[in-house]
Protein backbone atom coordinates (compact mmCIF):
# COMPACT_ATOMS: atom_id res chain seq x y z
CA MET A 1 0.77 22.43 -16.63
CA SER A 2 0.40 19.50 -19.03
CA ALA A 3 -2.03 16.59 -19.27
CA GLY A 4 -4.98 18.96 -19.04
CA VAL A 5 -4.57 19.28 -15.27
CA GLU A 6 -5.68 22.41 -13.47
CA SER A 7 -4.79 22.88 -9.84
CA ALA A 8 -5.34 25.57 -7.23
CA GLY A 9 -2.04 24.65 -5.60
CA PRO A 10 0.64 21.98 -5.46
CA VAL A 11 0.08 18.41 -4.40
CA LEU A 12 1.79 17.63 -1.09
CA VAL A 13 3.11 14.08 -0.69
CA MET A 14 3.46 13.40 3.01
CA GLY A 15 5.68 10.33 3.19
CA ALA A 16 8.07 10.02 0.27
CA GLY A 17 8.50 6.26 0.41
CA SER A 18 7.74 3.76 -2.32
CA ILE A 19 4.06 4.66 -2.77
CA GLY A 20 4.57 8.37 -2.16
CA CYS A 21 7.45 8.64 -4.61
CA PHE A 22 5.62 6.63 -7.25
CA LEU A 23 2.35 8.60 -7.04
CA GLY A 24 4.14 11.91 -6.71
CA GLY A 25 6.49 11.04 -9.56
CA VAL A 26 3.59 10.17 -11.86
CA LEU A 27 1.91 13.49 -11.08
CA ALA A 28 5.14 15.48 -11.43
CA ALA A 29 5.88 13.84 -14.78
CA ALA A 30 2.45 15.06 -15.98
CA GLY A 31 3.32 18.63 -15.01
CA VAL A 32 1.63 18.80 -11.61
CA PRO A 33 3.68 20.70 -9.01
CA VAL A 34 4.51 18.24 -6.24
CA ILE A 35 6.09 18.81 -2.83
CA PHE A 36 7.77 15.69 -1.43
CA VAL A 37 8.17 15.39 2.36
CA GLY A 38 10.15 12.38 3.49
CA ARG A 39 13.06 10.91 5.37
CA PRO A 40 16.71 11.80 4.70
CA ARG A 41 17.59 8.40 3.18
CA VAL A 42 15.10 8.72 0.33
CA LEU A 43 15.49 12.47 -0.10
CA GLN A 44 19.26 12.12 -0.41
CA ALA A 45 18.85 9.62 -3.24
CA LEU A 46 16.30 11.83 -5.00
CA SER A 47 18.50 14.89 -4.67
CA THR A 48 21.45 13.13 -6.31
CA GLN A 49 19.89 10.51 -8.62
CA GLY A 50 16.59 12.14 -9.45
CA LEU A 51 13.30 10.20 -9.53
CA VAL A 52 12.41 7.37 -11.90
CA VAL A 53 8.93 5.84 -12.04
CA SER A 54 8.35 2.75 -14.16
CA ASP A 55 5.89 -0.11 -14.49
CA LEU A 56 5.38 -3.63 -15.77
CA GLU A 57 4.03 -2.31 -19.08
CA GLN A 58 7.37 -0.67 -19.89
CA ARG A 59 6.29 2.88 -19.07
CA ARG A 60 9.02 5.04 -17.61
CA GLN A 61 9.44 8.68 -16.63
CA ASP A 62 12.71 10.24 -15.49
CA LEU A 63 12.75 13.39 -13.38
CA ALA A 64 16.02 15.21 -12.77
CA PRO A 65 16.89 16.37 -9.24
CA ALA A 66 16.30 19.98 -10.29
CA GLN A 67 12.67 19.10 -11.12
CA LEU A 68 11.94 17.87 -7.58
CA GLN A 69 10.84 19.87 -4.54
CA LEU A 70 12.20 17.94 -1.57
CA HIS A 71 11.72 18.69 2.14
CA GLU A 72 12.28 16.88 5.42
CA GLN A 73 9.55 18.96 7.06
CA ILE A 74 6.34 20.49 5.73
CA PRO A 75 7.29 23.89 4.28
CA ALA A 76 5.85 26.91 6.05
CA GLY A 77 2.82 28.50 4.45
CA MET A 78 1.78 25.39 2.52
CA GLN A 79 -1.61 25.62 0.83
CA PRO A 80 -1.79 22.47 -1.27
CA SER A 81 -4.72 21.67 -3.53
CA ILE A 82 -4.63 18.21 -1.96
CA THR A 83 -2.33 16.15 0.26
CA LEU A 84 -1.56 12.48 -0.23
CA LEU A 85 -0.72 10.79 3.07
CA CYS A 86 1.66 7.94 2.23
CA VAL A 87 3.46 7.24 5.50
CA LYS A 88 3.45 3.76 7.04
CA SER A 89 0.33 3.07 9.11
CA GLY A 90 2.25 3.20 12.38
CA ALA A 91 3.21 6.82 11.68
CA THR A 92 -0.31 7.99 10.83
CA ALA A 93 -1.12 9.88 14.03
CA GLU A 94 2.21 11.71 14.12
CA ALA A 95 2.05 12.69 10.45
CA ALA A 96 -1.58 13.78 10.75
CA ALA A 97 -0.78 15.98 13.76
CA SER A 98 2.02 17.66 11.76
CA LEU A 99 -0.35 18.26 8.86
CA GLY A 100 -2.97 19.66 11.22
CA GLN A 101 -0.47 22.23 12.49
CA ALA A 102 0.92 23.17 9.07
CA LEU A 103 -2.08 23.22 6.72
CA PRO A 104 -5.02 25.62 6.60
CA PRO A 105 -8.21 24.33 8.26
CA GLY A 106 -10.38 22.39 5.86
CA SER A 107 -7.47 21.19 3.70
CA VAL A 108 -8.20 17.86 1.99
CA VAL A 109 -5.92 14.94 2.87
CA VAL A 110 -6.24 11.51 1.25
CA SER A 111 -4.86 8.46 3.06
CA MET A 112 -3.21 6.29 0.40
CA GLN A 113 -2.15 3.73 3.02
CA ASN A 114 -2.64 0.05 3.73
CA GLY A 115 -5.21 -0.97 6.30
CA VAL A 116 -8.70 0.17 7.21
CA GLY A 117 -8.33 2.43 10.26
CA ASN A 118 -5.92 5.15 9.17
CA VAL A 119 -8.52 7.82 8.37
CA GLU A 120 -10.07 7.48 11.83
CA ARG A 121 -6.68 7.75 13.52
CA ALA A 122 -5.72 10.72 11.35
CA ARG A 123 -9.02 12.52 11.96
CA ALA A 124 -8.58 12.10 15.71
CA ALA A 125 -5.10 13.66 15.51
CA ALA A 126 -6.12 16.50 13.15
CA PRO A 127 -9.90 17.08 13.26
CA GLY A 128 -9.62 20.42 11.45
CA LEU A 129 -8.68 18.78 8.14
CA GLN A 130 -10.95 17.02 5.66
CA TRP A 131 -9.93 13.37 5.54
CA ARG A 132 -10.59 11.01 2.66
CA ALA A 133 -9.84 7.30 2.37
CA GLY A 134 -7.79 6.07 -0.57
CA MET A 135 -6.42 2.75 -1.76
CA VAL A 136 -3.41 1.70 -3.84
CA PRO A 137 -4.04 -1.88 -5.02
CA PHE A 138 -0.77 -2.39 -6.84
CA ASN A 139 2.72 -3.21 -5.67
CA VAL A 140 5.57 -0.68 -5.84
CA ALA A 141 9.17 -1.76 -5.27
CA GLU A 142 12.25 0.40 -4.84
CA LEU A 143 14.59 -1.07 -7.45
CA GLY A 144 17.45 1.28 -6.65
CA PRO A 145 18.11 4.76 -5.28
CA GLY A 146 15.34 6.99 -6.64
CA HIS A 147 13.79 4.27 -8.85
CA PHE A 148 10.25 3.13 -7.97
CA HIS A 149 8.60 0.42 -10.05
CA ARG A 150 4.96 -0.69 -10.21
CA GLY A 151 5.08 -4.43 -10.60
CA THR A 152 1.36 -5.32 -10.60
CA GLY A 153 -1.78 -3.85 -12.14
CA GLY A 154 -4.90 -2.18 -10.78
CA ALA A 155 -6.64 1.19 -10.55
CA LEU A 156 -6.34 3.75 -7.77
CA TYR A 157 -9.42 4.22 -5.57
CA ALA A 158 -10.47 7.02 -3.25
CA GLU A 159 -13.52 8.63 -1.72
CA GLN A 160 -15.16 11.24 -3.92
CA ASP A 161 -13.56 14.67 -3.89
CA ALA A 162 -13.36 17.39 -6.53
CA ALA A 163 -9.64 18.05 -5.94
CA LEU A 164 -8.88 14.39 -6.54
CA ALA A 165 -11.07 14.27 -9.63
CA ALA A 166 -8.96 17.09 -11.10
CA LEU A 167 -5.91 14.80 -10.98
CA ARG A 168 -7.44 12.07 -13.13
CA PRO A 169 -5.80 13.27 -16.38
CA ALA A 170 -2.36 13.33 -14.74
CA PHE A 171 -2.68 9.77 -13.48
CA ALA A 172 -4.16 8.66 -16.82
CA ALA A 173 -1.07 10.00 -18.63
CA PHE A 174 0.86 7.13 -16.99
CA GLY A 175 -1.87 4.58 -17.61
CA LEU A 176 -3.40 4.78 -14.13
CA LYS A 177 -7.15 4.97 -13.63
CA LEU A 178 -8.47 6.85 -10.61
CA LYS A 179 -11.88 5.61 -9.46
CA LEU A 180 -13.83 7.67 -6.90
CA LEU A 181 -16.48 6.04 -4.68
CA PRO A 182 -18.84 7.35 -1.98
CA ASP A 183 -17.74 4.66 0.54
CA LEU A 184 -14.39 2.91 0.41
CA ARG A 185 -14.60 0.77 3.55
CA PRO A 186 -15.85 -2.52 1.94
CA LEU A 187 -13.13 -2.20 -0.70
CA GLN A 188 -10.49 -1.51 1.95
CA TRP A 189 -11.37 -4.78 3.68
CA GLY A 190 -11.16 -6.53 0.31
CA LYS A 191 -7.69 -5.07 -0.19
CA LEU A 192 -6.64 -6.07 3.34
CA LEU A 193 -7.50 -9.68 2.53
CA ILE A 194 -5.08 -9.53 -0.42
CA ASN A 195 -2.47 -7.74 1.68
CA LEU A 196 -2.41 -10.71 4.05
CA ASN A 197 0.07 -12.10 1.53
CA ASN A 198 2.51 -9.29 2.39
CA PRO A 199 3.92 -11.01 5.51
CA VAL A 200 4.04 -14.35 3.68
CA ASN A 201 6.00 -12.74 0.87
CA ALA A 202 8.28 -10.88 3.27
CA LEU A 203 9.15 -14.02 5.24
CA SER A 204 9.67 -16.05 2.05
CA GLY A 205 12.51 -13.81 0.88
CA ARG A 206 11.31 -14.26 -2.72
CA PRO A 207 9.77 -11.98 -5.34
CA LEU A 208 5.98 -12.04 -5.40
CA ARG A 209 5.57 -14.21 -8.48
CA ALA A 210 8.10 -16.79 -7.30
CA GLU A 211 6.43 -16.92 -3.88
CA LEU A 212 2.95 -17.39 -5.35
CA LEU A 213 4.19 -20.32 -7.43
CA GLU A 214 5.05 -22.24 -4.24
CA ARG A 215 2.02 -24.12 -2.88
CA GLY A 216 3.26 -24.02 0.70
CA TYR A 217 3.32 -20.23 0.74
CA ARG A 218 -0.11 -20.12 -0.93
CA ARG A 219 -1.47 -22.41 1.79
CA CYS A 220 -0.34 -19.91 4.40
CA PHE A 221 -1.86 -17.01 2.48
CA ALA A 222 -5.16 -18.87 2.04
CA ALA A 223 -5.33 -19.82 5.71
CA LEU A 224 -4.87 -16.20 6.80
CA GLN A 225 -7.61 -15.13 4.40
CA ILE A 226 -10.09 -17.83 5.44
CA GLU A 227 -9.62 -16.95 9.09
CA ALA A 228 -10.06 -13.23 8.36
CA LEU A 229 -13.23 -13.91 6.35
CA ALA A 230 -14.71 -15.81 9.30
CA VAL A 231 -13.96 -12.89 11.60
CA LEU A 232 -15.48 -10.39 9.15
CA LYS A 233 -18.61 -12.51 8.84
CA GLN A 234 -19.01 -12.66 12.60
CA ALA A 235 -18.53 -8.88 12.79
CA GLY A 236 -21.14 -8.32 10.07
CA ILE A 237 -18.70 -6.38 7.88
CA ALA A 238 -19.33 -6.28 4.13
CA VAL A 239 -16.37 -6.92 1.83
CA THR A 240 -15.95 -5.86 -1.79
CA PRO A 241 -13.48 -8.25 -3.44
CA VAL A 242 -10.56 -6.82 -5.38
CA THR A 243 -10.11 -10.13 -7.21
CA PRO A 244 -12.49 -11.75 -9.72
CA GLY A 245 -15.16 -13.72 -7.88
CA PRO A 246 -15.85 -13.93 -4.12
CA PRO A 247 -12.95 -14.05 -1.65
CA GLU A 248 -13.82 -17.61 -0.60
CA ARG A 249 -13.32 -18.81 -4.18
CA PHE A 250 -9.97 -17.00 -4.36
CA ALA A 251 -8.79 -18.69 -1.16
CA ALA A 252 -9.78 -22.08 -2.62
CA LEU A 253 -7.83 -21.26 -5.79
CA LEU A 254 -4.71 -20.59 -3.74
CA LYS A 255 -4.79 -24.08 -2.24
CA LEU A 256 -4.80 -25.90 -5.60
CA PRO A 257 -1.72 -27.80 -6.84
CA THR A 258 0.71 -25.47 -8.57
CA PRO A 259 0.19 -26.69 -12.19
CA LEU A 260 -3.57 -26.14 -11.86
CA PHE A 261 -3.10 -22.85 -10.00
CA ARG A 262 -0.72 -21.61 -12.70
CA LEU A 263 -3.37 -22.39 -15.34
CA LEU A 264 -6.39 -20.91 -13.55
CA ALA A 265 -4.58 -17.90 -12.08
CA ALA A 266 -2.75 -16.87 -15.25
CA ARG A 267 -4.16 -13.35 -15.03
CA MET A 268 -3.17 -13.01 -11.39
CA LEU A 269 0.37 -14.15 -12.19
CA LYS A 270 0.95 -11.29 -14.61
CA ILE A 271 3.35 -9.83 -12.11
CA ASP A 272 6.67 -8.23 -12.89
CA ALA A 273 9.55 -10.48 -11.85
CA LYS A 274 10.95 -7.55 -9.82
CA ALA A 275 7.78 -7.07 -7.73
CA ARG A 276 7.87 -7.74 -4.02
CA SER A 277 5.86 -6.56 -1.04
CA SER A 278 6.72 -3.35 0.77
CA MET A 279 6.96 -5.44 3.93
CA ALA A 280 9.82 -7.36 2.33
CA ASP A 281 11.61 -4.04 1.76
CA ASP A 282 10.98 -3.04 5.37
CA LEU A 283 12.40 -6.28 6.75
CA GLY A 284 15.41 -5.98 4.48
CA LEU A 285 16.14 -2.45 5.69
CA GLY A 286 15.46 -3.20 9.36
CA ARG A 287 12.44 -0.90 9.49
CA SER A 288 9.20 -1.42 11.36
CA THR A 289 6.51 -3.05 9.24
CA GLU A 290 2.76 -2.59 8.76
CA ILE A 291 1.94 -5.96 10.29
CA GLU A 292 -0.29 -4.28 12.89
CA ALA A 293 -2.37 -2.69 10.12
CA LEU A 294 -2.83 -6.08 8.43
CA CYS A 295 -2.80 -9.22 10.60
CA GLY A 296 -3.06 -7.04 13.71
CA GLU A 297 -6.28 -5.48 12.38
CA VAL A 298 -7.82 -8.95 12.00
CA VAL A 299 -6.71 -9.96 15.51
CA ARG A 300 -8.19 -6.82 17.08
CA LEU A 301 -11.46 -7.20 15.19
CA ALA A 302 -11.73 -10.79 16.41
CA GLU A 303 -11.10 -9.73 20.00
CA ARG A 304 -13.78 -7.04 19.78
CA HIS A 305 -16.30 -9.68 18.77
CA GLY A 306 -15.38 -12.28 21.36
CA THR A 307 -13.38 -14.62 19.17
CA GLN A 308 -9.78 -15.28 18.15
CA ALA A 309 -7.67 -15.07 15.00
CA ARG A 310 -4.96 -17.56 15.93
CA LEU A 311 -3.22 -17.74 12.54
CA ASN A 312 -3.08 -13.99 12.02
CA ALA A 313 -1.78 -13.59 15.57
CA ARG A 314 0.91 -16.18 14.88
CA MET A 315 1.92 -14.48 11.63
CA ARG A 316 2.24 -11.22 13.51
CA GLU A 317 4.58 -12.97 15.96
CA LEU A 318 6.73 -14.34 13.13
CA VAL A 319 7.14 -10.92 11.51
CA LEU A 320 7.91 -9.22 14.81
CA GLY A 321 10.44 -11.96 15.54
CA TRP A 322 12.32 -11.44 12.25
CA PRO A 323 15.17 -9.37 13.80
CA ASP A 324 16.18 -12.43 15.85
CA ARG A 325 16.07 -14.73 12.81
CA LYS A 326 16.90 -12.79 9.62
CA ARG A 327 16.63 -15.91 7.50
CA PRO A 328 13.82 -16.61 5.00
CA TYR A 329 11.34 -19.39 5.66
CA GLU A 330 11.11 -22.19 3.14
CA PRO A 331 7.51 -23.15 2.21
CA ARG A 332 7.23 -26.19 4.49
CA GLU A 333 8.96 -24.32 7.28
CA LEU A 334 6.44 -21.48 7.17
CA VAL A 335 3.51 -23.91 7.03
CA LYS A 336 4.84 -25.59 10.14
CA ALA A 337 5.54 -22.30 11.90
CA LEU A 338 1.89 -21.29 11.40
CA GLY A 339 0.72 -24.63 12.73
CA LEU A 340 -1.11 -25.68 9.57
């Protein structure tokens, strides 16, 4: 095994979608044995095209089909050193129950999913496993069959665990830092605030960078964030920002005229032209989205504390109504649809 990685068993990727294929591909390219469990559409592409992982800094690794271990179900007798749970948030309970039946008690599973409540849902479905929270801050787009591209920067985060720490050299071989923390919840809320752009991007029909250069879309993004911050404050929930400076300052930056935004947010705009949100991919393929784990999470938190999150509720309605529309929103159109 290369990259100085020692492992007591293979890494199991439960959910071979964009994130699962990218993380698993990075590990496999470093010599870590990886078992991919996913849906037939992705597995078929991997079995014929192989797996390519690439990023905005021109890194690329190609894995031939013969190098990949692909399964539609968890193989019998699995004893992975660690499992990365990468399914969409709506599939968490079902995937966790399958893992609970297939893996030895005490197996470590890391949720590398969007949202803040997946570990709790997974633990309820499979209490015999050790659950850890994780966070993927960067964007991964499926550029073609078997090709998964990281279009934005950022380090991986997860709760502290020795099995995860052993994978640091493998991630580092592809330029990825893995940071381990005792408590990930404040950072997860910080990431959720950024992910509130996912539905805006999906409904815009544009790549991330092009969307962020339109002030109307940024106004929508900022409004969702400001509302979420008010709900979090009322709930007494601490937030660790994933952007430079406090979240309130970031929301103010989004509302600036585009020439000034372009100047002050130059670092933020270092985004690959190919990058787009996973929600955009889901809408394009007619799949269910993670809107409930993003805007829905804000709405439910507001309800639990006796208030409302009108804008996030409206954005959830727009995403859920996409099948009846299937036409991108122009900036002014989306601003109006949100009632701004």
